[in-house]
Every structure is written in structure tokens, then in C-alpha cells.
Amino acid sequence: MLPRVEANFRTFAEYDGRAVAGFSMGGFGALKYAAKYYGHFASVSAHSGPASPRRDDGLVVHWANATSAALDLGGGMVYGAPWDQARVTADNPIERVESYRNKRVFLVAGTSPDPVSWYDQANETQVLAGQREFRGLLDNAGIPYESHEEPGGHFVRNYMVQRDLDGIIARLRKA
């Protein structure tokens, strides 16, 4: 993806010229790719993105497997059945904490999911717990981050996106 973006847009094709961000599973993907491809991204942001695929009986792995089988891989599963443990580890932000050193890390999670929405409860309750665990590991490693626990459930908060974008611009190489 990076070569395509860099071939079609005016970018700085270097660590200090790249950021990755996402919402929900896209937030997990941002955390995953920032760790997996350490030298590619100077900033990573997860808006209501889970920070560990192993938490909560593997909710993230189950979700990734189900959606990839149904929508993306024609019955195949991204983590396999049984799980490919090495692949889960390679994609697990909390097992790759050192990969966030010298990056700008921005996290947002909701503190009050809709009590009558199973989807909202299942998502944001786990996201918040996982982000708290991740922050504890970042703290123990002495890796700085910016984190926000905001009212509400599993949705994009425009004011947090704006704050994040301002932080991304401040972190990246100036034009």
C-alpha cells in the first residue's frame, strides 16, 4: 500500500513522513502495522481500537476470523482454526510494546457504551479494558502516549479526530 500512496500523492516516503490511524478494527490494524512495520510509521492512532487480540476469550481473533471468512477470504480465516499462535503474537500490540518506542501513540476509548446495545457493550467494554492494559505496559516500558477515555460507546468522536490530526501534523516532518 505504501508504494501506491507514495507514487500517487506528494509525501515524504520515510519514517517521519508517515502516520497510521484507524477506528475499531481499523484502530487495531493501525496498532498492528505500526508494530509489525516498525520503521515505517512515526505516529499511530487507535480510535476505539482493541489493543490485544487475545483479551476477552480472543474476541478480536474470533471477529477477524469470522469477518475474513465471510467477507474477505472466501471461507479462509486470517488467524486460522486452530489459531496460528505465532501470527497472533506477531499482530498483538501488547506483545510488541517495544515497537512503539519513539512513536507518537494516540488512543481513544469510550467509557459508557449503550447498555441496551449488545454490539456496543461487546465492543467498547473490551476496547477500554484492552487499551488500559496496553497503557499499563507502555507505562512500565517508559514509552509516552496520549490517551483519552471519553463518554459514550463505540463511535468516532470528531473532536478526538481533530485533536489526533493536530498531533499527527505536529509529529511528522514539516513540508
N, C-alpha and C. Protein backbone atom coordinates (compact mmCIF):
# COMPACT_ATOMS: atom_id res chain seq x y z
N MET A 1 0.82 -1.19 0.00
CA MET A 1 0.00 0.00 0.00
C MET A 1 0.87 1.26 0.00
N LEU A 2 1.95 1.25 0.79
CA LEU A 2 2.79 2.45 0.85
C LEU A 2 3.34 2.86 -0.51
N PRO A 3 3.87 1.92 -1.31
CA PRO A 3 4.37 2.35 -2.63
C PRO A 3 3.28 3.00 -3.49
N ARG A 4 2.07 2.49 -3.40
CA ARG A 4 0.98 3.08 -4.20
C ARG A 4 0.64 4.50 -3.73
N VAL A 5 0.53 4.68 -2.42
CA VAL A 5 0.25 6.01 -1.87
C VAL A 5 1.37 6.97 -2.25
N GLU A 6 2.60 6.52 -2.06
CA GLU A 6 3.73 7.41 -2.29
C GLU A 6 3.95 7.71 -3.77
N ALA A 7 3.47 6.84 -4.65
CA ALA A 7 3.57 7.09 -6.09
C ALA A 7 2.49 8.06 -6.58
N ASN A 8 1.40 8.18 -5.83
CA ASN A 8 0.26 8.97 -6.31
C ASN A 8 -0.01 10.24 -5.52
N PHE A 9 0.68 10.43 -4.40
CA PHE A 9 0.46 11.62 -3.58
C PHE A 9 1.80 12.24 -3.21
N ARG A 10 1.78 13.53 -2.95
CA ARG A 10 3.01 14.20 -2.50
C ARG A 10 3.24 13.83 -1.04
N THR A 11 4.23 13.03 -0.80
CA THR A 11 4.53 12.55 0.55
C THR A 11 6.03 12.61 0.80
N PHE A 12 6.39 12.46 2.05
CA PHE A 12 7.77 12.17 2.42
C PHE A 12 7.81 10.68 2.66
N ALA A 13 8.43 9.95 1.78
CA ALA A 13 8.46 8.49 1.83
C ALA A 13 9.51 8.03 2.84
N GLU A 14 9.26 8.32 4.09
CA GLU A 14 10.20 8.00 5.16
C GLU A 14 9.44 7.89 6.48
N TYR A 15 10.10 7.38 7.48
CA TYR A 15 9.51 7.20 8.81
C TYR A 15 8.82 8.47 9.30
N ASP A 16 9.53 9.60 9.28
CA ASP A 16 8.98 10.85 9.80
C ASP A 16 7.95 11.49 8.88
N GLY A 17 7.61 10.84 7.79
CA GLY A 17 6.60 11.35 6.88
C GLY A 17 5.33 10.51 6.88
N ARG A 18 5.25 9.51 7.78
CA ARG A 18 4.11 8.59 7.73
C ARG A 18 3.43 8.43 9.09
N ALA A 19 2.11 8.34 9.03
CA ALA A 19 1.29 8.04 10.20
C ALA A 19 0.26 7.00 9.78
N VAL A 20 -0.22 6.24 10.76
CA VAL A 20 -1.28 5.27 10.50
C VAL A 20 -2.31 5.42 11.61
N ALA A 21 -3.59 5.39 11.24
CA ALA A 21 -4.67 5.59 12.20
C ALA A 21 -5.88 4.79 11.75
N GLY A 22 -6.78 4.50 12.69
CA GLY A 22 -7.99 3.81 12.33
C GLY A 22 -8.99 3.78 13.45
N PHE A 23 -10.22 3.41 13.09
CA PHE A 23 -11.33 3.26 14.03
C PHE A 23 -11.72 1.79 14.12
N SER A 24 -12.02 1.34 15.32
CA SER A 24 -12.49 -0.01 15.59
C SER A 24 -11.42 -1.02 15.15
N MET A 25 -11.77 -1.98 14.29
CA MET A 25 -10.77 -2.93 13.83
C MET A 25 -9.69 -2.23 13.00
N GLY A 26 -10.02 -1.09 12.42
CA GLY A 26 -9.00 -0.28 11.75
C GLY A 26 -8.00 0.28 12.75
N GLY A 27 -8.47 0.58 13.96
CA GLY A 27 -7.57 1.01 15.03
C GLY A 27 -6.65 -0.11 15.46
N PHE A 28 -7.20 -1.33 15.55
CA PHE A 28 -6.35 -2.49 15.81
C PHE A 28 -5.33 -2.66 14.69
N GLY A 29 -5.80 -2.52 13.45
CA GLY A 29 -4.88 -2.63 12.32
C GLY A 29 -3.78 -1.59 12.37
N ALA A 30 -4.11 -0.36 12.75
CA ALA A 30 -3.10 0.68 12.86
C ALA A 30 -2.05 0.29 13.90
N LEU A 31 -2.50 -0.16 15.07
CA LEU A 31 -1.57 -0.60 16.12
C LEU A 31 -0.72 -1.78 15.63
N LYS A 32 -1.38 -2.72 14.98
CA LYS A 32 -0.69 -3.91 14.47
C LYS A 32 0.39 -3.53 13.46
N TYR A 33 0.04 -2.71 12.47
CA TYR A 33 1.00 -2.37 11.42
C TYR A 33 2.11 -1.46 11.92
N ALA A 34 1.80 -0.58 12.87
CA ALA A 34 2.85 0.28 13.42
C ALA A 34 3.91 -0.54 14.14
N ALA A 35 3.50 -1.64 14.77
CA ALA A 35 4.46 -2.51 15.45
C ALA A 35 5.15 -3.45 14.46
N LYS A 36 4.36 -4.04 13.59
CA LYS A 36 4.89 -5.03 12.66
C LYS A 36 5.88 -4.42 11.67
N TYR A 37 5.61 -3.20 11.25
CA TYR A 37 6.47 -2.48 10.31
C TYR A 37 7.04 -1.26 11.03
N TYR A 38 7.83 -1.54 12.05
CA TYR A 38 8.31 -0.53 12.99
C TYR A 38 8.90 0.70 12.31
N GLY A 39 9.71 0.53 11.34
CA GLY A 39 10.42 1.64 10.72
C GLY A 39 9.61 2.43 9.71
N HIS A 40 8.33 2.16 9.58
CA HIS A 40 7.52 2.83 8.56
C HIS A 40 6.67 3.99 9.07
N PHE A 41 6.28 3.99 10.35
CA PHE A 41 5.30 4.97 10.84
C PHE A 41 5.80 5.67 12.10
N ALA A 42 5.77 7.00 12.08
CA ALA A 42 6.19 7.80 13.23
C ALA A 42 5.04 8.05 14.19
N SER A 43 3.82 7.85 13.75
CA SER A 43 2.65 8.10 14.58
C SER A 43 1.61 7.02 14.34
N VAL A 44 0.97 6.58 15.43
CA VAL A 44 -0.08 5.58 15.34
C VAL A 44 -1.25 6.01 16.23
N SER A 45 -2.47 5.83 15.70
CA SER A 45 -3.66 6.24 16.43
C SER A 45 -4.72 5.14 16.35
N ALA A 46 -5.34 4.86 17.50
CA ALA A 46 -6.43 3.89 17.56
C ALA A 46 -7.63 4.54 18.22
N HIS A 47 -8.65 4.78 17.42
CA HIS A 47 -9.91 5.33 17.91
C HIS A 47 -10.85 4.15 18.14
N SER A 48 -11.11 3.84 19.41
CA SER A 48 -11.93 2.67 19.78
C SER A 48 -11.39 1.40 19.14
N GLY A 49 -10.07 1.31 19.07
CA GLY A 49 -9.42 0.14 18.50
C GLY A 49 -8.90 -0.78 19.59
N PRO A 50 -9.17 -2.08 19.50
CA PRO A 50 -8.67 -3.02 20.50
C PRO A 50 -7.15 -3.13 20.45
N ALA A 51 -6.53 -3.30 21.61
CA ALA A 51 -5.07 -3.35 21.70
C ALA A 51 -4.53 -4.75 21.91
N SER A 52 -5.41 -5.76 21.95
CA SER A 52 -4.93 -7.13 22.10
C SER A 52 -5.94 -8.12 21.53
N PRO A 53 -5.51 -8.95 20.58
CA PRO A 53 -6.43 -9.96 20.05
C PRO A 53 -6.67 -11.13 21.00
N ARG A 54 -5.88 -11.26 22.05
CA ARG A 54 -6.04 -12.39 22.97
C ARG A 54 -7.01 -12.10 24.12
N ARG A 55 -7.31 -10.85 24.40
CA ARG A 55 -8.20 -10.49 25.51
C ARG A 55 -9.60 -11.05 25.31
N ASP A 56 -10.29 -11.17 26.41
CA ASP A 56 -11.72 -11.48 26.38
C ASP A 56 -12.03 -12.70 25.52
N ASP A 57 -11.35 -13.80 25.85
CA ASP A 57 -11.53 -15.07 25.15
C ASP A 57 -11.24 -14.95 23.65
N GLY A 58 -10.33 -14.07 23.30
CA GLY A 58 -9.93 -13.94 21.90
C GLY A 58 -10.98 -13.28 21.02
N LEU A 59 -11.76 -12.37 21.60
CA LEU A 59 -12.84 -11.72 20.85
C LEU A 59 -12.35 -11.14 19.52
N VAL A 60 -11.20 -10.47 19.53
CA VAL A 60 -10.70 -9.85 18.31
C VAL A 60 -10.32 -10.91 17.27
N VAL A 61 -9.67 -11.99 17.71
CA VAL A 61 -9.31 -13.05 16.77
C VAL A 61 -10.56 -13.70 16.19
N HIS A 62 -11.54 -13.97 17.05
CA HIS A 62 -12.79 -14.56 16.54
C HIS A 62 -13.46 -13.63 15.53
N TRP A 63 -13.51 -12.34 15.84
CA TRP A 63 -14.13 -11.37 14.93
C TRP A 63 -13.35 -11.31 13.62
N ALA A 64 -12.02 -11.25 13.70
CA ALA A 64 -11.20 -11.20 12.48
C ALA A 64 -11.39 -12.47 11.66
N ASN A 65 -11.42 -13.61 12.31
CA ASN A 65 -11.63 -14.87 11.59
C ASN A 65 -13.00 -14.91 10.93
N ALA A 66 -14.04 -14.52 11.67
CA ALA A 66 -15.40 -14.59 11.13
C ALA A 66 -15.58 -13.64 9.95
N THR A 67 -15.11 -12.40 10.10
CA THR A 67 -15.31 -11.45 9.01
C THR A 67 -14.44 -11.79 7.81
N SER A 68 -13.22 -12.28 8.05
CA SER A 68 -12.38 -12.64 6.90
C SER A 68 -12.95 -13.84 6.17
N ALA A 69 -13.51 -14.80 6.90
CA ALA A 69 -14.10 -15.97 6.27
C ALA A 69 -15.34 -15.59 5.46
N ALA A 70 -16.16 -14.71 6.03
CA ALA A 70 -17.42 -14.34 5.39
C ALA A 70 -17.24 -13.31 4.27
N LEU A 71 -16.32 -12.37 4.46
CA LEU A 71 -16.26 -11.24 3.54
C LEU A 71 -15.01 -11.17 2.67
N ASP A 72 -13.88 -11.60 3.20
CA ASP A 72 -12.63 -11.29 2.53
C ASP A 72 -11.91 -12.49 1.91
N LEU A 73 -11.90 -13.60 2.60
CA LEU A 73 -11.05 -14.71 2.18
C LEU A 73 -11.81 -15.92 1.65
N GLY A 74 -13.07 -15.74 1.31
CA GLY A 74 -13.85 -16.82 0.72
C GLY A 74 -13.84 -18.09 1.56
N GLY A 75 -14.06 -17.96 2.86
CA GLY A 75 -14.08 -19.11 3.76
C GLY A 75 -12.80 -19.30 4.54
N GLY A 76 -11.70 -18.69 4.09
CA GLY A 76 -10.45 -18.77 4.84
C GLY A 76 -10.48 -17.84 6.04
N MET A 77 -9.62 -18.09 7.00
CA MET A 77 -9.59 -17.26 8.20
C MET A 77 -8.20 -16.69 8.41
N VAL A 78 -8.14 -15.40 8.70
CA VAL A 78 -6.87 -14.71 8.81
C VAL A 78 -5.97 -15.32 9.89
N TYR A 79 -6.53 -15.81 10.99
CA TYR A 79 -5.72 -16.41 12.05
C TYR A 79 -5.84 -17.93 12.10
N GLY A 80 -6.63 -18.51 11.23
CA GLY A 80 -6.74 -19.97 11.15
C GLY A 80 -7.56 -20.58 12.27
N ALA A 81 -7.86 -21.85 12.10
CA ALA A 81 -8.57 -22.63 13.11
C ALA A 81 -7.92 -24.00 13.14
N PRO A 82 -7.23 -24.37 14.21
CA PRO A 82 -6.98 -23.55 15.40
C PRO A 82 -6.09 -22.35 15.06
N TRP A 83 -6.05 -21.40 15.98
CA TRP A 83 -5.30 -20.18 15.74
C TRP A 83 -3.84 -20.47 15.48
N ASP A 84 -3.28 -19.71 14.56
CA ASP A 84 -1.84 -19.70 14.32
C ASP A 84 -1.26 -18.77 15.39
N GLN A 85 -0.77 -19.36 16.48
CA GLN A 85 -0.33 -18.57 17.63
C GLN A 85 0.81 -17.61 17.29
N ALA A 86 1.70 -18.01 16.41
CA ALA A 86 2.80 -17.12 16.02
C ALA A 86 2.26 -15.89 15.29
N ARG A 87 1.24 -16.09 14.48
CA ARG A 87 0.65 -14.95 13.76
C ARG A 87 -0.09 -14.02 14.71
N VAL A 88 -0.81 -14.59 15.68
CA VAL A 88 -1.50 -13.76 16.68
C VAL A 88 -0.46 -12.94 17.45
N THR A 89 0.63 -13.57 17.86
CA THR A 89 1.69 -12.84 18.57
C THR A 89 2.28 -11.74 17.71
N ALA A 90 2.55 -12.02 16.45
CA ALA A 90 3.13 -11.02 15.55
C ALA A 90 2.21 -9.81 15.38
N ASP A 91 0.90 -10.02 15.49
CA ASP A 91 -0.07 -8.95 15.30
C ASP A 91 -0.54 -8.32 16.60
N ASN A 92 -0.05 -8.79 17.75
CA ASN A 92 -0.58 -8.38 19.04
C ASN A 92 0.19 -7.18 19.61
N PRO A 93 -0.44 -6.00 19.64
CA PRO A 93 0.26 -4.82 20.17
C PRO A 93 0.83 -5.02 21.58
N ILE A 94 0.09 -5.68 22.47
CA ILE A 94 0.61 -5.79 23.84
C ILE A 94 1.77 -6.76 23.96
N GLU A 95 2.01 -7.56 22.94
CA GLU A 95 3.17 -8.44 22.93
C GLU A 95 4.34 -7.81 22.17
N ARG A 96 4.16 -6.58 21.69
CA ARG A 96 5.20 -5.91 20.90
C ARG A 96 5.41 -4.47 21.38
N VAL A 97 5.30 -4.27 22.67
CA VAL A 97 5.33 -2.92 23.25
C VAL A 97 6.57 -2.13 22.83
N GLU A 98 7.72 -2.75 22.79
CA GLU A 98 8.94 -2.03 22.42
C GLU A 98 8.86 -1.44 21.01
N SER A 99 7.99 -1.96 20.19
CA SER A 99 7.83 -1.44 18.83
C SER A 99 7.19 -0.06 18.78
N TYR A 100 6.69 0.43 19.92
CA TYR A 100 6.06 1.75 19.96
C TYR A 100 7.01 2.82 20.48
N ARG A 101 8.22 2.42 20.83
CA ARG A 101 9.21 3.38 21.31
C ARG A 101 9.54 4.36 20.17
N ASN A 102 9.63 5.63 20.51
CA ASN A 102 9.95 6.71 19.56
C ASN A 102 8.84 6.98 18.55
N LYS A 103 7.64 6.52 18.85
CA LYS A 103 6.48 6.83 18.02
C LYS A 103 5.53 7.72 18.82
N ARG A 104 4.72 8.47 18.14
CA ARG A 104 3.60 9.15 18.77
C ARG A 104 2.48 8.12 18.82
N VAL A 105 1.94 7.88 20.01
CA VAL A 105 0.86 6.90 20.20
C VAL A 105 -0.35 7.66 20.74
N PHE A 106 -1.50 7.51 20.06
CA PHE A 106 -2.73 8.21 20.43
C PHE A 106 -3.84 7.17 20.54
N LEU A 107 -4.49 7.13 21.70
CA LEU A 107 -5.54 6.14 21.97
C LEU A 107 -6.81 6.83 22.46
N VAL A 108 -7.95 6.34 21.99
CA VAL A 108 -9.25 6.83 22.45
C VAL A 108 -10.16 5.63 22.67
N ALA A 109 -10.89 5.63 23.79
CA ALA A 109 -11.90 4.60 24.04
C ALA A 109 -13.07 5.22 24.80
N GLY A 110 -14.24 4.66 24.60
CA GLY A 110 -15.43 5.12 25.28
C GLY A 110 -15.59 4.48 26.65
N THR A 111 -16.18 5.23 27.57
CA THR A 111 -16.35 4.74 28.95
C THR A 111 -17.78 4.32 29.28
N SER A 112 -18.70 4.61 28.39
CA SER A 112 -20.10 4.32 28.73
C SER A 112 -20.87 3.83 27.50
N PRO A 113 -20.61 2.57 27.11
CA PRO A 113 -21.35 2.03 25.97
C PRO A 113 -22.85 1.95 26.26
N ASP A 114 -23.62 1.98 25.21
CA ASP A 114 -25.08 1.89 25.30
C ASP A 114 -25.46 0.58 26.00
N PRO A 115 -26.11 0.65 27.17
CA PRO A 115 -26.39 -0.57 27.94
C PRO A 115 -27.39 -1.52 27.27
N VAL A 116 -28.16 -1.05 26.29
CA VAL A 116 -29.11 -1.94 25.63
C VAL A 116 -28.60 -2.46 24.29
N SER A 117 -27.41 -2.03 23.91
CA SER A 117 -26.84 -2.47 22.64
C SER A 117 -25.75 -3.51 22.92
N TRP A 118 -26.02 -4.78 22.58
CA TRP A 118 -25.02 -5.83 22.79
C TRP A 118 -23.76 -5.50 22.00
N TYR A 119 -23.92 -5.03 20.78
CA TYR A 119 -22.77 -4.71 19.94
C TYR A 119 -21.89 -3.66 20.61
N ASP A 120 -22.50 -2.58 21.07
CA ASP A 120 -21.76 -1.52 21.72
C ASP A 120 -21.08 -2.02 22.99
N GLN A 121 -21.80 -2.79 23.79
CA GLN A 121 -21.24 -3.35 25.03
C GLN A 121 -20.08 -4.29 24.72
N ALA A 122 -20.28 -5.19 23.77
CA ALA A 122 -19.25 -6.18 23.44
C ALA A 122 -18.00 -5.51 22.90
N ASN A 123 -18.18 -4.46 22.14
CA ASN A 123 -17.03 -3.78 21.55
C ASN A 123 -16.32 -2.88 22.55
N GLU A 124 -16.99 -1.83 22.99
CA GLU A 124 -16.27 -0.78 23.71
C GLU A 124 -15.83 -1.20 25.10
N THR A 125 -16.57 -2.06 25.76
CA THR A 125 -16.14 -2.54 27.07
C THR A 125 -14.79 -3.26 26.96
N GLN A 126 -14.65 -4.09 25.93
CA GLN A 126 -13.39 -4.82 25.72
C GLN A 126 -12.29 -3.89 25.23
N VAL A 127 -12.66 -2.95 24.36
CA VAL A 127 -11.67 -2.00 23.86
C VAL A 127 -11.06 -1.20 25.00
N LEU A 128 -11.91 -0.69 25.88
CA LEU A 128 -11.43 0.12 27.00
C LEU A 128 -10.51 -0.69 27.90
N ALA A 129 -10.91 -1.90 28.25
CA ALA A 129 -10.07 -2.76 29.10
C ALA A 129 -8.73 -3.06 28.42
N GLY A 130 -8.77 -3.35 27.13
CA GLY A 130 -7.54 -3.64 26.40
C GLY A 130 -6.63 -2.44 26.28
N GLN A 131 -7.22 -1.26 26.04
CA GLN A 131 -6.39 -0.06 25.96
C GLN A 131 -5.78 0.26 27.32
N ARG A 132 -6.52 0.03 28.39
CA ARG A 132 -5.95 0.25 29.73
C ARG A 132 -4.77 -0.70 29.97
N GLU A 133 -4.91 -1.95 29.59
CA GLU A 133 -3.82 -2.91 29.73
C GLU A 133 -2.60 -2.46 28.91
N PHE A 134 -2.84 -2.05 27.69
CA PHE A 134 -1.78 -1.59 26.80
C PHE A 134 -1.07 -0.37 27.39
N ARG A 135 -1.85 0.58 27.90
CA ARG A 135 -1.25 1.78 28.51
C ARG A 135 -0.38 1.40 29.70
N GLY A 136 -0.82 0.43 30.50
CA GLY A 136 0.00 -0.01 31.62
C GLY A 136 1.33 -0.57 31.17
N LEU A 137 1.32 -1.32 30.09
CA LEU A 137 2.57 -1.88 29.55
C LEU A 137 3.45 -0.78 28.96
N LEU A 138 2.85 0.20 28.30
CA LEU A 138 3.61 1.35 27.80
C LEU A 138 4.24 2.11 28.96
N ASP A 139 3.46 2.33 30.03
CA ASP A 139 3.98 3.00 31.22
C ASP A 139 5.18 2.24 31.79
N ASN A 140 5.03 0.93 31.94
CA ASN A 140 6.12 0.10 32.50
C ASN A 140 7.38 0.17 31.65
N ALA A 141 7.22 0.35 30.35
CA ALA A 141 8.36 0.43 29.44
C ALA A 141 8.89 1.85 29.29
N GLY A 142 8.21 2.81 29.91
CA GLY A 142 8.63 4.21 29.79
C GLY A 142 8.37 4.80 28.42
N ILE A 143 7.34 4.32 27.74
CA ILE A 143 7.00 4.80 26.40
C ILE A 143 5.83 5.78 26.52
N PRO A 144 6.03 7.03 26.10
CA PRO A 144 4.95 8.01 26.22
C PRO A 144 3.82 7.76 25.23
N TYR A 145 2.64 8.26 25.57
CA TYR A 145 1.47 8.13 24.73
C TYR A 145 0.48 9.21 25.15
N GLU A 146 -0.52 9.42 24.32
CA GLU A 146 -1.65 10.28 24.66
C GLU A 146 -2.89 9.40 24.64
N SER A 147 -3.63 9.43 25.72
CA SER A 147 -4.80 8.55 25.83
C SER A 147 -6.00 9.33 26.34
N HIS A 148 -7.16 8.94 25.81
CA HIS A 148 -8.40 9.61 26.22
C HIS A 148 -9.48 8.57 26.46
N GLU A 149 -10.12 8.67 27.61
CA GLU A 149 -11.32 7.90 27.92
C GLU A 149 -12.47 8.89 27.88
N GLU A 150 -13.35 8.69 26.93
CA GLU A 150 -14.41 9.65 26.65
C GLU A 150 -15.79 9.05 26.88
N PRO A 151 -16.78 9.88 27.24
CA PRO A 151 -18.14 9.36 27.41
C PRO A 151 -18.67 8.75 26.12
N GLY A 152 -19.51 7.74 26.26
CA GLY A 152 -20.13 7.12 25.10
C GLY A 152 -19.52 5.78 24.78
N GLY A 153 -20.00 5.22 23.68
CA GLY A 153 -19.61 3.87 23.29
C GLY A 153 -18.70 3.82 22.09
N HIS A 154 -19.03 2.91 21.17
CA HIS A 154 -18.18 2.56 20.04
C HIS A 154 -18.54 3.41 18.82
N PHE A 155 -17.98 4.61 18.76
CA PHE A 155 -18.23 5.51 17.63
C PHE A 155 -17.07 6.48 17.50
N VAL A 156 -16.98 7.12 16.34
CA VAL A 156 -15.94 8.11 16.07
C VAL A 156 -16.33 9.43 16.73
N ARG A 157 -15.39 9.99 17.44
CA ARG A 157 -15.59 11.29 18.09
C ARG A 157 -14.83 12.33 17.27
N ASN A 158 -15.56 13.18 16.57
CA ASN A 158 -14.93 14.14 15.66
C ASN A 158 -13.92 15.03 16.36
N TYR A 159 -14.21 15.46 17.58
CA TYR A 159 -13.28 16.33 18.30
C TYR A 159 -11.98 15.59 18.65
N MET A 160 -12.05 14.28 18.82
CA MET A 160 -10.84 13.50 19.07
C MET A 160 -10.06 13.28 17.77
N VAL A 161 -10.77 13.13 16.67
CA VAL A 161 -10.10 13.02 15.36
C VAL A 161 -9.33 14.31 15.08
N GLN A 162 -9.96 15.47 15.37
CA GLN A 162 -9.28 16.75 15.15
C GLN A 162 -8.04 16.87 16.03
N ARG A 163 -8.17 16.49 17.30
CA ARG A 163 -7.03 16.54 18.21
C ARG A 163 -5.91 15.61 17.71
N ASP A 164 -6.31 14.44 17.25
CA ASP A 164 -5.34 13.48 16.71
C ASP A 164 -4.64 14.04 15.49
N LEU A 165 -5.40 14.58 14.55
CA LEU A 165 -4.80 15.15 13.34
C LEU A 165 -3.81 16.26 13.67
N ASP A 166 -4.16 17.11 14.64
CA ASP A 166 -3.24 18.16 15.06
C ASP A 166 -1.95 17.55 15.61
N GLY A 167 -2.06 16.47 16.36
CA GLY A 167 -0.89 15.80 16.91
C GLY A 167 -0.06 15.13 15.83
N ILE A 168 -0.74 14.52 14.86
CA ILE A 168 -0.02 13.89 13.75
C ILE A 168 0.79 14.94 12.99
N ILE A 169 0.14 16.04 12.66
CA ILE A 169 0.83 17.10 11.92
C ILE A 169 2.03 17.64 12.71
N ALA A 170 1.85 17.78 14.01
CA ALA A 170 2.96 18.26 14.85
C ALA A 170 4.12 17.27 14.89
N ARG A 171 3.82 15.98 14.80
CA ARG A 171 4.85 14.94 14.89
C ARG A 171 5.60 14.73 13.58
N LEU A 172 4.90 14.81 12.46
CA LEU A 172 5.51 14.47 11.19
C LEU A 172 6.44 15.57 10.69
N ARG A 173 7.29 15.18 9.77
CA ARG A 173 8.24 16.10 9.14
C ARG A 173 7.49 17.25 8.50
N LYS A 174 8.02 18.43 8.68
CA LYS A 174 7.39 19.63 8.12
C LYS A 174 7.68 19.73 6.61
N ALA A 175 6.69 20.20 5.89
CA ALA A 175 6.83 20.36 4.43
C ALA A 175 7.72 21.53 4.11
